[in-house]
Amino acid sequence: MRLLTSAKINLNLKVSQQQNSGLHFLDSDMIPIDIYDEISINEAEEDKILFSIEPLNNEYTTVHKALALLRKINSSFKQQFVISVEKNIPLQSGLGGGSSDAGALLKYLVDTYQLEEPSMLEIATEVGSDVPFFYNGTSSKVQGIGDVLKPFNSDTLNNVQVIIAVPNIHLSTGAVFNKFDELETKSTQKHEFNNIEIFNDLWEASSELSLDLKKIKNELENVFQNKFFMSGSGPTLFSLFDSQVENNFTNYSNNNLRYFKVCKKIECSLSQIGD
């Protein structure tokens, strides 16, 4: 079986102060977008997980964690698999690629083999905080540590085009949250697009950790004459357009970016494309 599993963006992100558990509580409207990893799953004699990006083959990834969680909950489930992941969603971008892969795998195996499904809290704590969103698969308001999901009506974005720009910057999620905790003043500028508030409480923290991020954001806004916002803890920047994006924008290139794409919101993050 082959699965297409999408990226996401955070249209907004409200972050609470650090809790006693060491985790922050989040509140975010998230939508899936049409940038996809492709996963092939085949029954096998032993488990093998392979990635198209070689360094990932030496890591204990969210895909490994997802499979381990399912086996823990379903102790009698002995079927093993060769799982191959073609990575197209940029790594360490805030677009949720690893979480998307894990959520898709969980959903497919639970449905196909009629397994007991883990709770959203188990998925969030044992696999990753964005994984419940991808297990659920549709536009959602995500709260808590990622384990509370509520339907979010994103119909006003159905015909909107989204520019995705990933700078040549690496931001550690942990470092961003640590900087957020250190900030004495947490002022977040809010904007409105089609009756949806667009903002990110982590922007000040991320842009303080990387002054280049703020510079790239300003450059993009000058070129496209439109506001750009950060998704998650960064560094991905996105912009929303009600009208058709000009054709020359789709070929835009910038040495400060490692990925650029004009895309759109989709209805579900997971689709099956056959054997």
C-alpha atoms as a PDB file:
ATOM      1  CA  MET A   1       0.000   0.000   0.000  1.00  0.00           C
ATOM      2  CA  ARG A   2       1.148   3.539  -0.743  1.00  0.00           C
ATOM      3  CA  LEU A   3       0.091   6.542   1.307  1.00  0.00           C
ATOM      4  CA  LEU A   4       0.390  10.248   0.660  1.00  0.00           C
ATOM      5  CA  THR A   5       0.690  12.200   3.878  1.00  0.00           C
ATOM      6  CA  SER A   6       0.766  15.973   3.904  1.00  0.00           C
ATOM      7  CA  ALA A   7       2.468  18.901   5.549  1.00  0.00           C
ATOM      8  CA  LYS A   8       0.643  21.418   7.759  1.00  0.00           C
ATOM      9  CA  ILE A   9       0.808  25.039   8.756  1.00  0.00           C
ATOM     10  CA  ASN A  10      -0.185  26.740  11.983  1.00  0.00           C
ATOM     11  CA  LEU A  11      -2.421  29.651  11.046  1.00  0.00           C
ATOM     12  CA  ASN A  12      -2.031  30.878  14.583  1.00  0.00           C
ATOM     13  CA  LEU A  13      -0.253  29.720  17.721  1.00  0.00           C
ATOM     14  CA  LYS A  14      -0.936  30.756  21.303  1.00  0.00           C
ATOM     15  CA  VAL A  15       1.582  29.458  23.847  1.00  0.00           C
ATOM     16  CA  SER A  16       1.090  29.313  27.617  1.00  0.00           C
ATOM     17  CA  GLN A  17       3.801  29.581  30.213  1.00  0.00           C
ATOM     18  CA  GLN A  18       5.709  26.412  31.014  1.00  0.00           C
ATOM     19  CA  GLN A  19       3.741  23.911  33.066  1.00  0.00           C
ATOM     20  CA  ASN A  20       5.014  21.862  36.039  1.00  0.00           C
ATOM     21  CA  SER A  21       5.448  18.940  33.645  1.00  0.00           C
ATOM     22  CA  GLY A  22       7.985  20.959  31.695  1.00  0.00           C
ATOM     23  CA  LEU A  23       5.603  21.208  28.728  1.00  0.00           C
ATOM     24  CA  HIS A  24       3.811  24.240  27.317  1.00  0.00           C
ATOM     25  CA  PHE A  25       0.105  24.258  26.567  1.00  0.00           C
ATOM     26  CA  LEU A  26      -0.684  25.269  23.000  1.00  0.00           C
ATOM     27  CA  ASP A  27      -3.732  26.560  21.141  1.00  0.00           C
ATOM     28  CA  SER A  28      -3.485  26.557  17.358  1.00  0.00           C
ATOM     29  CA  ASP A  29      -5.659  26.448  14.231  1.00  0.00           C
ATOM     30  CA  MET A  30      -3.885  24.015  11.903  1.00  0.00           C
ATOM     31  CA  ILE A  31      -4.606  23.078   8.291  1.00  0.00           C
ATOM     32  CA  PRO A  32      -3.138  20.382   5.998  1.00  0.00           C
ATOM     33  CA  ILE A  33      -1.531  21.586   2.749  1.00  0.00           C
ATOM     34  CA  ASP A  34      -0.636  19.806  -0.492  1.00  0.00           C
ATOM     35  CA  ILE A  35       3.032  19.028   0.113  1.00  0.00           C
ATOM     36  CA  TYR A  36       3.419  15.274   0.620  1.00  0.00           C
ATOM     37  CA  ASP A  37       5.693  12.540   1.839  1.00  0.00           C
ATOM     38  CA  GLU A  38       4.973   9.148   0.277  1.00  0.00           C
ATOM     39  CA  ILE A  39       4.958   5.979   2.397  1.00  0.00           C
ATOM     40  CA  SER A  40       5.022   2.410   1.052  1.00  0.00           C
ATOM     41  CA  ILE A  41       3.930  -0.332   3.477  1.00  0.00           C
ATOM     42  CA  ASN A  42       4.334  -4.044   2.758  1.00  0.00           C
ATOM     43  CA  GLU A  43       3.923  -7.053   5.030  1.00  0.00           C
ATOM     44  CA  ALA A  44       7.255  -8.756   5.728  1.00  0.00           C
ATOM     45  CA  GLU A  45       9.099 -11.282   7.901  1.00  0.00           C
ATOM     46  CA  GLU A  46      10.672  -8.549  10.004  1.00  0.00           C
ATOM     47  CA  ASP A  47      10.245  -4.848  10.569  1.00  0.00           C
ATOM     48  CA  LYS A  48      12.391  -2.565   8.441  1.00  0.00           C
ATOM     49  CA  ILE A  49      11.962   1.222   8.191  1.00  0.00           C
ATOM     50  CA  LEU A  50      13.760   2.986   5.355  1.00  0.00           C
ATOM     51  CA  PHE A  51      13.974   6.690   4.496  1.00  0.00           C
ATOM     52  CA  SER A  52      14.986   8.342   1.223  1.00  0.00           C
ATOM     53  CA  ILE A  53      17.175  10.759   3.226  1.00  0.00           C
ATOM     54  CA  GLU A  54      20.086   8.655   4.477  1.00  0.00           C
ATOM     55  CA  PRO A  55      20.789  10.314   7.868  1.00  0.00           C
ATOM     56  CA  LEU A  56      17.250   9.412   9.009  1.00  0.00           C
ATOM     57  CA  ASN A  57      18.139   5.727   8.650  1.00  0.00           C
ATOM     58  CA  ASN A  58      20.417   6.109  11.677  1.00  0.00           C
ATOM     59  CA  GLU A  59      17.782   7.728  13.887  1.00  0.00           C
ATOM     60  CA  TYR A  60      14.931   6.520  16.095  1.00  0.00           C
ATOM     61  CA  THR A  61      12.225   8.484  14.305  1.00  0.00           C
ATOM     62  CA  THR A  62       8.569   9.261  14.916  1.00  0.00           C
ATOM     63  CA  VAL A  63       7.743   6.336  12.577  1.00  0.00           C
ATOM     64  CA  HIS A  64       9.644   3.968  14.888  1.00  0.00           C
ATOM     65  CA  LYS A  65       7.858   5.473  17.899  1.00  0.00           C
ATOM     66  CA  ALA A  66       4.437   5.133  16.255  1.00  0.00           C
ATOM     67  CA  LEU A  67       4.978   1.442  15.474  1.00  0.00           C
ATOM     68  CA  ALA A  68       6.293   0.817  18.994  1.00  0.00           C
ATOM     69  CA  LEU A  69       3.232   2.475  20.548  1.00  0.00           C
ATOM     70  CA  LEU A  70       0.844   0.347  18.491  1.00  0.00           C
ATOM     71  CA  ARG A  71       2.665  -2.833  19.468  1.00  0.00           C
ATOM     72  CA  LYS A  72       2.581  -1.848  23.147  1.00  0.00           C
ATOM     73  CA  ILE A  73      -1.176  -1.319  23.068  1.00  0.00           C
ATOM     74  CA  ASN A  74      -1.859  -4.341  20.840  1.00  0.00           C
ATOM     75  CA  SER A  75       0.458  -6.970  22.324  1.00  0.00           C
ATOM     76  CA  SER A  76      -0.975  -9.756  20.138  1.00  0.00           C
ATOM     77  CA  PHE A  77      -0.321  -7.860  16.901  1.00  0.00           C
ATOM     78  CA  LYS A  78       2.654  -9.700  15.406  1.00  0.00           C
ATOM     79  CA  GLN A  79       2.522  -8.715  11.739  1.00  0.00           C
ATOM     80  CA  GLN A  80       5.725  -6.999  10.647  1.00  0.00           C
ATOM     81  CA  PHE A  81       6.404  -4.592   7.797  1.00  0.00           C
ATOM     82  CA  VAL A  82       8.842  -3.000   5.417  1.00  0.00           C
ATOM     83  CA  ILE A  83       8.029   0.707   5.564  1.00  0.00           C
ATOM     84  CA  SER A  84       9.685   3.011   3.026  1.00  0.00           C
ATOM     85  CA  VAL A  85       9.322   6.780   3.366  1.00  0.00           C
ATOM     86  CA  GLU A  86      10.022   9.111   0.452  1.00  0.00           C
ATOM     87  CA  LYS A  87      10.725  12.466   2.095  1.00  0.00           C
ATOM     88  CA  ASN A  88       9.456  15.524   0.215  1.00  0.00           C
ATOM     89  CA  ILE A  89       8.342  17.689   3.144  1.00  0.00           C
ATOM     90  CA  PRO A  90      11.419  19.724   4.154  1.00  0.00           C
ATOM     91  CA  LEU A  91      13.102  18.483   7.333  1.00  0.00           C
ATOM     92  CA  GLN A  92      13.197  20.628  10.470  1.00  0.00           C
ATOM     93  CA  SER A  93      10.936  23.213   8.878  1.00  0.00           C
ATOM     94  CA  GLY A  94       7.911  23.394  11.204  1.00  0.00           C
ATOM     95  CA  LEU A  95       5.756  21.800   8.483  1.00  0.00           C
ATOM     96  CA  GLY A  96       5.275  18.571  10.439  1.00  0.00           C
ATOM     97  CA  GLY A  97       6.837  16.021   8.074  1.00  0.00           C
ATOM     98  CA  GLY A  98       7.924  13.497  10.704  1.00  0.00           C
ATOM     99  CA  SER A  99       4.656  13.882  12.595  1.00  0.00           C
ATOM    100  CA  SER A 100       2.697  13.438   9.373  1.00  0.00           C
ATOM    101  CA  ASP A 101       4.501  10.177   8.599  1.00  0.00           C
ATOM    102  CA  ALA A 102       3.804   8.849  12.086  1.00  0.00           C
ATOM    103  CA  GLY A 103       0.149   9.905  12.097  1.00  0.00           C
ATOM    104  CA  ALA A 104      -0.458   8.316   8.698  1.00  0.00           C
ATOM    105  CA  LEU A 105       1.147   5.046   9.755  1.00  0.00           C
ATOM    106  CA  LEU A 106      -0.895   4.903  12.960  1.00  0.00           C
ATOM    107  CA  LYS A 107      -4.173   5.620  11.165  1.00  0.00           C
ATOM    108  CA  TYR A 108      -3.535   3.146   8.353  1.00  0.00           C
ATOM    109  CA  LEU A 109      -2.521   0.257  10.631  1.00  0.00           C
ATOM    110  CA  VAL A 110      -5.345   0.829  13.142  1.00  0.00           C
ATOM    111  CA  ASP A 111      -7.958   0.889  10.367  1.00  0.00           C
ATOM    112  CA  THR A 112      -6.509  -1.899   8.223  1.00  0.00           C
ATOM    113  CA  TYR A 113      -5.807  -4.390  11.002  1.00  0.00           C
ATOM    114  CA  GLN A 114      -8.676  -3.313  13.285  1.00  0.00           C
ATOM    115  CA  LEU A 115      -6.329  -2.526  16.151  1.00  0.00           C
ATOM    116  CA  GLU A 116      -7.097  -0.801  19.414  1.00  0.00           C
ATOM    117  CA  GLU A 117      -6.244   2.822  18.815  1.00  0.00           C
ATOM    118  CA  PRO A 118      -4.077   4.798  21.226  1.00  0.00           C
ATOM    119  CA  SER A 119      -5.528   7.831  22.955  1.00  0.00           C
ATOM    120  CA  MET A 120      -4.602  11.264  21.675  1.00  0.00           C
ATOM    121  CA  LEU A 121      -2.688  11.842  24.912  1.00  0.00           C
ATOM    122  CA  GLU A 122      -0.634   8.681  24.369  1.00  0.00           C
ATOM    123  CA  ILE A 123       0.121   9.717  20.792  1.00  0.00           C
ATOM    124  CA  ALA A 124       1.133  13.234  21.840  1.00  0.00           C
ATOM    125  CA  THR A 125       3.385  12.149  24.712  1.00  0.00           C
ATOM    126  CA  GLU A 126       4.932   9.003  23.221  1.00  0.00           C
ATOM    127  CA  VAL A 127       5.252   9.948  19.540  1.00  0.00           C
ATOM    128  CA  GLY A 128       4.973  13.736  19.152  1.00  0.00           C
ATOM    129  CA  SER A 129       2.730  16.711  19.889  1.00  0.00           C
ATOM    130  CA  ASP A 130       1.751  17.289  16.234  1.00  0.00           C
ATOM    131  CA  VAL A 131       0.979  13.619  15.554  1.00  0.00           C
ATOM    132  CA  PRO A 132      -2.645  13.647  16.865  1.00  0.00           C
ATOM    133  CA  PHE A 133      -3.442  16.359  14.294  1.00  0.00           C
ATOM    134  CA  PHE A 134      -2.248  14.112  11.476  1.00  0.00           C
ATOM    135  CA  TYR A 135      -3.995  11.069  12.946  1.00  0.00           C
ATOM    136  CA  ASN A 136      -7.201  13.118  12.907  1.00  0.00           C
ATOM    137  CA  GLY A 137      -6.279  14.359   9.430  1.00  0.00           C
ATOM    138  CA  THR A 138      -8.410  17.469   8.954  1.00  0.00           C
ATOM    139  CA  SER A 139      -8.305  21.173   9.797  1.00  0.00           C
ATOM    140  CA  SER A 140      -8.513  21.404  13.574  1.00  0.00           C
ATOM    141  CA  LYS A 141      -8.069  23.625  16.582  1.00  0.00           C
ATOM    142  CA  VAL A 142      -5.304  21.834  18.476  1.00  0.00           C
ATOM    143  CA  GLN A 143      -4.938  22.466  22.204  1.00  0.00           C
ATOM    144  CA  GLY A 144      -3.203  21.183  25.326  1.00  0.00           C
ATOM    145  CA  ILE A 145       0.022  19.384  24.415  1.00  0.00           C
ATOM    146  CA  GLY A 146      -1.480  18.493  21.036  1.00  0.00           C
ATOM    147  CA  ASP A 147      -3.890  15.928  22.471  1.00  0.00           C
ATOM    148  CA  VAL A 148      -7.113  17.996  22.348  1.00  0.00           C
ATOM    149  CA  LEU A 149      -8.589  18.471  18.870  1.00  0.00           C
ATOM    150  CA  LYS A 150     -11.731  20.363  17.931  1.00  0.00           C
ATOM    151  CA  PRO A 151     -13.271  20.791  14.471  1.00  0.00           C
ATOM    152  CA  PHE A 152     -12.146  23.995  12.795  1.00  0.00           C
ATOM    153  CA  ASN A 153     -14.141  25.389   9.877  1.00  0.00           C
ATOM    154  CA  SER A 154     -11.562  26.390   7.284  1.00  0.00           C
ATOM    155  CA  ASP A 155     -13.969  26.729   4.339  1.00  0.00           C
ATOM    156  CA  THR A 156     -13.003  30.382   3.905  1.00  0.00           C
ATOM    157  CA  LEU A 157      -9.562  29.103   2.834  1.00  0.00           C
ATOM    158  CA  ASN A 158     -10.819  26.704   0.140  1.00  0.00           C
ATOM    159  CA  ASN A 159      -9.774  28.916  -2.764  1.00  0.00           C
ATOM    160  CA  VAL A 160      -6.812  30.548  -1.078  1.00  0.00           C
ATOM    161  CA  GLN A 161      -3.276  30.041  -2.336  1.00  0.00           C
ATOM    162  CA  VAL A 162      -0.489  29.608   0.180  1.00  0.00           C
ATOM    163  CA  ILE A 163       3.140  30.530  -0.428  1.00  0.00           C
ATOM    164  CA  ILE A 164       5.536  28.380   1.587  1.00  0.00           C
ATOM    165  CA  ALA A 165       9.095  29.655   2.033  1.00  0.00           C
ATOM    166  CA  VAL A 166      11.626  27.702   4.112  1.00  0.00           C
ATOM    167  CA  PRO A 167      14.749  29.748   4.951  1.00  0.00           C
ATOM    168  CA  ASN A 168      18.266  28.281   5.098  1.00  0.00           C
ATOM    169  CA  ILE A 169      18.058  28.505   8.883  1.00  0.00           C
ATOM    170  CA  HIS A 170      17.979  25.817  11.549  1.00  0.00           C
ATOM    171  CA  LEU A 171      15.960  26.560  14.693  1.00  0.00           C
ATOM    172  CA  SER A 172      15.873  24.103  17.579  1.00  0.00           C
ATOM    173  CA  THR A 173      12.315  23.780  18.896  1.00  0.00           C
ATOM    174  CA  GLY A 174      13.664  23.461  22.431  1.00  0.00           C
ATOM    175  CA  ALA A 175      15.777  26.590  22.053  1.00  0.00           C
ATOM    176  CA  VAL A 176      12.802  28.556  20.709  1.00  0.00           C
ATOM    177  CA  PHE A 177      10.615  27.602  23.679  1.00  0.00           C
ATOM    178  CA  ASN A 178      13.457  28.369  26.117  1.00  0.00           C
ATOM    179  CA  LYS A 179      13.846  31.809  24.561  1.00  0.00           C
ATOM    180  CA  PHE A 180      10.067  32.312  24.762  1.00  0.00           C
ATOM    181  CA  ASP A 181      10.214  31.583  28.513  1.00  0.00           C
ATOM    182  CA  GLU A 182      13.052  34.072  28.924  1.00  0.00           C
ATOM    183  CA  LEU A 183      11.265  36.967  27.229  1.00  0.00           C
ATOM    184  CA  GLU A 184       9.989  39.478  29.749  1.00  0.00           C
ATOM    185  CA  THR A 185       7.562  41.078  27.299  1.00  0.00           C
ATOM    186  CA  LYS A 186       5.519  38.736  25.136  1.00  0.00           C
ATOM    187  CA  SER A 187       3.761  40.979  22.632  1.00  0.00           C
ATOM    188  CA  THR A 188       2.159  39.254  19.655  1.00  0.00           C
ATOM    189  CA  GLN A 189       0.905  41.216  16.673  1.00  0.00           C
ATOM    190  CA  LYS A 190      -2.338  39.770  15.305  1.00  0.00           C
ATOM    191  CA  HIS A 191      -3.717  40.017  11.784  1.00  0.00           C
ATOM    192  CA  GLU A 192      -7.009  38.897  10.285  1.00  0.00           C
ATOM    193  CA  PHE A 193      -7.506  36.986   7.053  1.00  0.00           C
ATOM    194  CA  ASN A 194     -10.976  35.847   5.967  1.00  0.00           C
ATOM    195  CA  ASN A 195     -12.207  36.151   9.573  1.00  0.00           C
ATOM    196  CA  ILE A 196      -9.336  34.002  10.893  1.00  0.00           C
ATOM    197  CA  GLU A 197      -6.785  35.477  13.287  1.00  0.00           C
ATOM    198  CA  ILE A 198      -3.220  34.936  12.055  1.00  0.00           C
ATOM    199  CA  PHE A 199      -0.453  35.218  14.659  1.00  0.00           C
ATOM    200  CA  ASN A 200       2.359  33.292  16.345  1.00  0.00           C
ATOM    201  CA  ASP A 201       3.421  33.770  19.961  1.00  0.00           C
ATOM    202  CA  LEU A 202       6.826  32.222  19.152  1.00  0.00           C
ATOM    203  CA  TRP A 203       7.763  34.755  16.481  1.00  0.00           C
ATOM    204  CA  GLU A 204       9.672  37.098  18.794  1.00  0.00           C
ATOM    205  CA  ALA A 205      11.621  34.203  20.312  1.00  0.00           C
ATOM    206  CA  SER A 206      12.494  32.665  16.939  1.00  0.00           C
ATOM    207  CA  SER A 207      13.452  35.990  15.350  1.00  0.00           C
ATOM    208  CA  GLU A 208      15.684  36.839  18.318  1.00  0.00           C
ATOM    209  CA  LEU A 209      17.494  33.526  17.906  1.00  0.00           C
ATOM    210  CA  SER A 210      17.968  34.246  14.197  1.00  0.00           C
ATOM    211  CA  LEU A 211      18.160  37.845  13.037  1.00  0.00           C
ATOM    212  CA  ASP A 212      18.336  36.494   9.472  1.00  0.00           C
ATOM    213  CA  LEU A 213      14.799  35.148   9.864  1.00  0.00           C
ATOM    214  CA  LYS A 214      13.407  38.644  10.346  1.00  0.00           C
ATOM    215  CA  LYS A 215      15.474  39.906   7.405  1.00  0.00           C
ATOM    216  CA  ILE A 216      14.164  37.141   5.112  1.00  0.00           C
ATOM    217  CA  LYS A 217      10.580  37.820   6.211  1.00  0.00           C
ATOM    218  CA  ASN A 218      10.974  41.503   5.322  1.00  0.00           C
ATOM    219  CA  GLU A 219      12.502  40.620   1.937  1.00  0.00           C
ATOM    220  CA  LEU A 220       9.608  38.297   1.088  1.00  0.00           C
ATOM    221  CA  GLU A 221       7.028  40.883   2.086  1.00  0.00           C
ATOM    222  CA  ASN A 222       8.724  43.452  -0.158  1.00  0.00           C
ATOM    223  CA  VAL A 223       8.808  41.063  -3.126  1.00  0.00           C
ATOM    224  CA  PHE A 224       5.256  39.723  -2.813  1.00  0.00           C
ATOM    225  CA  GLN A 225       3.652  42.832  -1.294  1.00  0.00           C
ATOM    226  CA  ASN A 226       1.861  40.627   1.217  1.00  0.00           C
ATOM    227  CA  LYS A 227       2.249  39.690   4.877  1.00  0.00           C
ATOM    228  CA  PHE A 228       4.286  36.592   5.774  1.00  0.00           C
ATOM    229  CA  PHE A 229       3.871  34.626   9.007  1.00  0.00           C
ATOM    230  CA  MET A 230       5.810  31.863  10.742  1.00  0.00           C
ATOM    231  CA  SER A 231       4.444  28.328  11.136  1.00  0.00           C
ATOM    232  CA  GLY A 232       5.061  26.528  14.431  1.00  0.00           C
ATOM    233  CA  SER A 233       8.455  27.232  15.952  1.00  0.00           C
ATOM    234  CA  GLY A 234       9.828  28.015  12.497  1.00  0.00           C
ATOM    235  CA  PRO A 235      11.661  28.656  10.394  1.00  0.00           C
ATOM    236  CA  THR A 236       8.980  28.197   7.671  1.00  0.00           C
ATOM    237  CA  LEU A 237       7.223  31.384   6.580  1.00  0.00           C
ATOM    238  CA  PHE A 238       3.879  31.437   4.765  1.00  0.00           C
ATOM    239  CA  SER A 239       1.638  33.961   3.066  1.00  0.00           C
ATOM    240  CA  LEU A 240      -2.054  33.736   2.133  1.00  0.00           C
ATOM    241  CA  PHE A 241      -3.481  35.037  -1.152  1.00  0.00           C
ATOM    242  CA  ASP A 242      -7.194  35.368  -1.954  1.00  0.00           C
ATOM    243  CA  SER A 243      -6.446  35.972  -5.631  1.00  0.00           C
ATOM    244  CA  GLN A 244      -4.478  33.869  -8.115  1.00  0.00           C
ATOM    245  CA  VAL A 245      -0.760  34.073  -7.452  1.00  0.00           C
ATOM    246  CA  GLU A 246       1.070  35.478 -10.453  1.00  0.00           C
ATOM    247  CA  ASN A 247       2.735  32.795 -12.591  1.00  0.00           C
ATOM    248  CA  ASN A 248       6.205  34.251 -12.136  1.00  0.00           C
ATOM    249  CA  PHE A 249       5.841  33.820  -8.377  1.00  0.00           C
ATOM    250  CA  THR A 250       5.814  30.020  -8.760  1.00  0.00           C
ATOM    251  CA  ASN A 251       9.352  30.190 -10.183  1.00  0.00           C
ATOM    252  CA  TYR A 252      10.658  32.534  -7.504  1.00  0.00           C
ATOM    253  CA  SER A 253      14.076  31.629  -6.122  1.00  0.00           C
ATOM    254  CA  ASN A 254      16.197  33.108  -3.383  1.00  0.00           C
ATOM    255  CA  ASN A 255      19.568  31.912  -2.080  1.00  0.00           C
ATOM    256  CA  ASN A 256      18.317  32.498   1.457  1.00  0.00           C
ATOM    257  CA  LEU A 257      15.620  29.816   0.955  1.00  0.00           C
ATOM    258  CA  ARG A 258      16.051  26.037   0.797  1.00  0.00           C
ATOM    259  CA  TYR A 259      12.450  25.399  -0.277  1.00  0.00           C
ATOM    260  CA  PHE A 260       9.736  27.441  -1.985  1.00  0.00           C
ATOM    261  CA  LYS A 261       6.301  26.346  -3.182  1.00  0.00           C
ATOM    262  CA  VAL A 262       2.874  27.769  -3.987  1.00  0.00           C
ATOM    263  CA  CYS A 263       0.278  25.375  -2.578  1.00  0.00           C
ATOM    264  CA  LYS A 264      -3.222  25.182  -1.119  1.00  0.00           C
ATOM    265  CA  LYS A 265      -5.222  23.810   1.792  1.00  0.00           C
ATOM    266  CA  ILE A 266      -6.525  20.250   1.383  1.00  0.00           C
ATOM    267  CA  GLU A 267      -9.417  18.459   3.092  1.00  0.00           C
ATOM    268  CA  CYS A 268      -7.474  15.549   4.612  1.00  0.00           C
ATOM    269  CA  SER A 269      -3.771  15.026   5.330  1.00  0.00           C
ATOM    270  CA  LEU A 270      -3.854  11.310   4.404  1.00  0.00           C
ATOM    271  CA  SER A 271      -4.784   9.592   1.164  1.00  0.00           C
ATOM    272  CA  GLN A 272      -4.215   6.046  -0.115  1.00  0.00           C
ATOM    273  CA  ILE A 273      -2.967   5.635  -3.657  1.00  0.00           C
ATOM    274  CA  GLY A 274      -3.071   1.850  -4.008  1.00  0.00           C
ATOM    275  CA  ASP A 275      -0.394  -0.812  -4.147  1.00  0.00           C
END
